[in-house]
Amino acid sequence: MALIVDRADLVELVAAFRRSGDTIALANGCFDLLHVGHVRYLRGAKREADRLLVAINDDASVLALKGKGRPVLPASDRAELVAAVGVVDVVVIFSGATVAEILELVHPDVHCKGTDYTVETVPERETVRAYGGRTAIVGDSKDHSTRGLLSRIAETDG
């Protein structure tokens, strides 16, 4: 299982990875109910570098992004689930609408986003370009979503 760390430990781990010559990818998201689309996104992100860091939105930012009733699971549970995915090396929880602060903190070689984005629409693209990193779009087509899963559950329960 991956390590779940705070920002200070994240900085130390990234420094150790870099001393070992490892490249670093960062993926981020809400991961509210872990589903196959998330797993494919994380696998795609891992193919971009030696180490995969995953930044998970805190509860307040999920509520702001997704609306009433979200998140379904608290950040600590979501972090534990993502940490259990075999390709993930490190998980950190962040606040805010974007992951720019974590990108600035660790300067990953590549910032990975899912296929619901293009390189041009990634909110943090200028942050990544400014420090010399690159942005990669990874995972399968956006055929899976937590919203869709919750709708199917509601229909079944209704």
Protein backbone atom coordinates (compact mmCIF):
# COMPACT_ATOMS: atom_id res chain seq x y z
CA MET A 1 0.00 0.00 0.00
CA ALA A 2 1.17 3.53 -0.79
CA LEU A 3 2.12 6.00 1.89
CA ILE A 4 -0.44 8.63 2.89
CA VAL A 5 1.52 11.72 3.85
CA ASP A 6 1.21 15.39 4.74
CA ARG A 7 2.91 18.11 2.71
CA ALA A 8 6.14 18.13 4.73
CA ASP A 9 6.61 14.37 4.33
CA LEU A 10 5.69 14.66 0.65
CA VAL A 11 8.56 17.09 0.07
CA GLU A 12 11.01 14.75 1.83
CA LEU A 13 9.83 11.72 -0.15
CA VAL A 14 10.05 13.54 -3.46
CA ALA A 15 13.60 14.64 -2.61
CA ALA A 16 14.51 11.01 -1.86
CA PHE A 17 12.94 9.82 -5.12
CA ARG A 18 14.90 12.42 -7.06
CA ARG A 19 18.17 11.45 -5.33
CA SER A 20 17.49 7.90 -6.56
CA GLY A 21 17.06 9.20 -10.11
CA ASP A 22 13.32 8.50 -10.25
CA THR A 23 10.96 10.53 -12.40
CA ILE A 24 7.73 11.69 -10.80
CA ALA A 25 4.16 11.91 -12.05
CA LEU A 26 1.35 13.60 -10.18
CA ALA A 27 -2.31 12.74 -10.71
CA ASN A 28 -5.13 14.40 -8.83
CA GLY A 29 -8.85 14.24 -8.31
CA CYS A 30 -11.75 13.74 -5.93
CA PHE A 31 -11.88 9.92 -6.14
CA ASP A 32 -15.21 10.07 -4.33
CA LEU A 33 -16.28 6.50 -5.09
CA LEU A 34 -13.38 4.57 -6.53
CA HIS A 35 -14.35 2.97 -9.84
CA VAL A 36 -12.69 1.39 -12.87
CA GLY A 37 -12.24 4.76 -14.60
CA HIS A 38 -10.14 5.92 -11.65
CA VAL A 39 -8.02 2.77 -11.75
CA ARG A 40 -7.40 3.17 -15.50
CA TYR A 41 -6.49 6.84 -14.97
CA LEU A 42 -3.99 5.91 -12.24
CA ARG A 43 -2.48 3.12 -14.34
CA GLY A 44 -2.06 5.54 -17.23
CA ALA A 45 -0.43 8.08 -14.94
CA LYS A 46 2.00 5.50 -13.59
CA ARG A 47 3.17 4.73 -17.13
CA GLU A 48 4.39 8.34 -17.38
CA ALA A 49 7.07 8.12 -14.63
CA ASP A 50 8.85 5.93 -12.12
CA ARG A 51 6.86 7.20 -9.13
CA LEU A 52 3.20 8.15 -8.91
CA LEU A 53 1.98 10.76 -6.44
CA VAL A 54 -1.77 11.22 -6.10
CA ALA A 55 -3.29 14.39 -4.66
CA ILE A 56 -6.85 14.00 -3.40
CA ASN A 57 -9.23 16.92 -2.93
CA ASP A 58 -10.22 17.54 0.67
CA ASP A 59 -13.89 17.39 1.67
CA ALA A 60 -14.52 21.14 1.36
CA SER A 61 -13.12 21.31 -2.16
CA VAL A 62 -15.15 18.26 -3.26
CA LEU A 63 -18.31 19.92 -1.96
CA ALA A 64 -17.42 23.13 -3.83
CA LEU A 65 -16.64 21.25 -7.05
CA LYS A 66 -19.38 18.61 -7.01
CA GLY A 67 -22.20 20.10 -4.94
CA LYS A 68 -24.58 19.03 -2.21
CA GLY A 69 -24.26 15.47 -0.97
CA ARG A 70 -20.60 15.18 -1.95
CA PRO A 71 -18.23 13.84 -1.03
CA VAL A 72 -19.82 10.50 -0.33
CA LEU A 73 -16.71 9.35 1.55
CA PRO A 74 -14.45 11.51 3.73
CA ALA A 75 -10.99 12.42 2.45
CA SER A 76 -9.25 10.00 4.81
CA ASP A 77 -11.27 7.07 3.42
CA ARG A 78 -10.72 8.19 -0.18
CA ALA A 79 -6.98 8.48 0.48
CA GLU A 80 -6.85 4.97 1.92
CA LEU A 81 -8.70 3.52 -1.06
CA VAL A 82 -6.43 5.25 -3.59
CA ALA A 83 -3.35 4.21 -1.60
CA ALA A 84 -4.46 0.59 -1.97
CA VAL A 85 -4.25 0.78 -5.78
CA GLY A 86 -1.01 -0.99 -6.61
CA VAL A 87 0.45 1.61 -8.98
CA VAL A 88 0.26 4.46 -6.46
CA ASP A 89 3.37 5.35 -4.45
CA VAL A 90 2.25 8.32 -2.36
CA VAL A 91 -1.08 10.01 -1.53
CA VAL A 92 -1.56 13.52 -0.17
CA ILE A 93 -4.78 15.43 0.54
CA PHE A 94 -5.03 19.01 -0.71
CA SER A 95 -7.49 21.87 -0.53
CA GLY A 96 -8.56 24.34 -3.16
CA ALA A 97 -10.07 24.29 -6.62
CA THR A 98 -6.81 23.25 -8.31
CA VAL A 99 -3.73 21.27 -7.40
CA ALA A 100 -1.38 24.14 -8.33
CA GLU A 101 -0.04 24.46 -4.78
CA ILE A 102 1.10 20.81 -4.73
CA LEU A 103 2.61 21.19 -8.21
CA GLU A 104 4.59 24.21 -7.01
CA LEU A 105 5.68 22.32 -3.91
CA VAL A 106 7.14 19.24 -5.65
CA HIS A 107 7.54 20.10 -9.36
CA PRO A 108 6.66 16.65 -10.72
CA ASP A 109 8.11 15.81 -14.13
CA VAL A 110 4.60 15.23 -15.46
CA HIS A 111 1.15 16.27 -14.32
CA CYS A 112 -1.44 13.71 -15.43
CA LYS A 113 -5.09 14.50 -16.05
CA GLY A 114 -7.95 12.34 -17.28
CA THR A 115 -9.46 12.22 -20.74
CA ASP A 116 -12.19 14.71 -19.84
CA TYR A 117 -9.40 17.29 -20.37
CA THR A 118 -7.11 18.25 -23.21
CA VAL A 119 -3.65 19.64 -22.49
CA GLU A 120 -5.03 23.08 -23.32
CA THR A 121 -7.94 22.84 -20.85
CA VAL A 122 -5.98 21.61 -17.80
CA PRO A 123 -6.36 24.41 -15.23
CA GLU A 124 -2.78 24.01 -13.97
CA ARG A 125 -1.08 23.85 -17.38
CA GLU A 126 0.68 27.22 -17.00
CA THR A 127 1.97 26.27 -13.55
CA VAL A 128 3.48 23.09 -14.99
CA ARG A 129 4.97 24.88 -18.01
CA ALA A 130 6.48 27.58 -15.77
CA TYR A 131 8.68 25.09 -13.90
CA GLY A 132 9.53 23.05 -17.01
CA GLY A 133 7.23 20.05 -16.49
CA ARG A 134 4.81 18.53 -18.96
CA THR A 135 1.14 17.66 -18.91
CA ALA A 136 -0.14 14.25 -20.04
CA ILE A 137 -3.72 13.15 -20.69
CA VAL A 138 -4.10 9.55 -19.55
CA GLY A 139 -6.69 6.87 -18.86
CA ASP A 140 -9.62 5.60 -20.85
CA SER A 141 -12.44 7.60 -22.35
CA LYS A 142 -14.69 9.24 -19.79
CA ASP A 143 -17.28 6.44 -19.82
CA HIS A 144 -17.22 6.10 -16.03
CA SER A 145 -18.08 8.66 -13.39
CA THR A 146 -19.01 8.80 -9.74
CA ARG A 147 -22.07 10.87 -10.70
CA GLY A 148 -23.20 8.13 -13.10
CA LEU A 149 -22.58 5.47 -10.49
CA LEU A 150 -24.58 7.39 -7.88
CA SER A 151 -27.44 7.82 -10.39
CA ARG A 152 -27.51 4.09 -11.08
CA ILE A 153 -27.54 3.35 -7.34
CA ALA A 154 -30.40 5.82 -6.81
CA GLU A 155 -32.41 4.22 -9.63
CA THR A 156 -31.86 0.76 -8.19
CA ASP A 157 -32.83 1.87 -4.68
CA GLY A 158 -35.83 3.88 -5.93
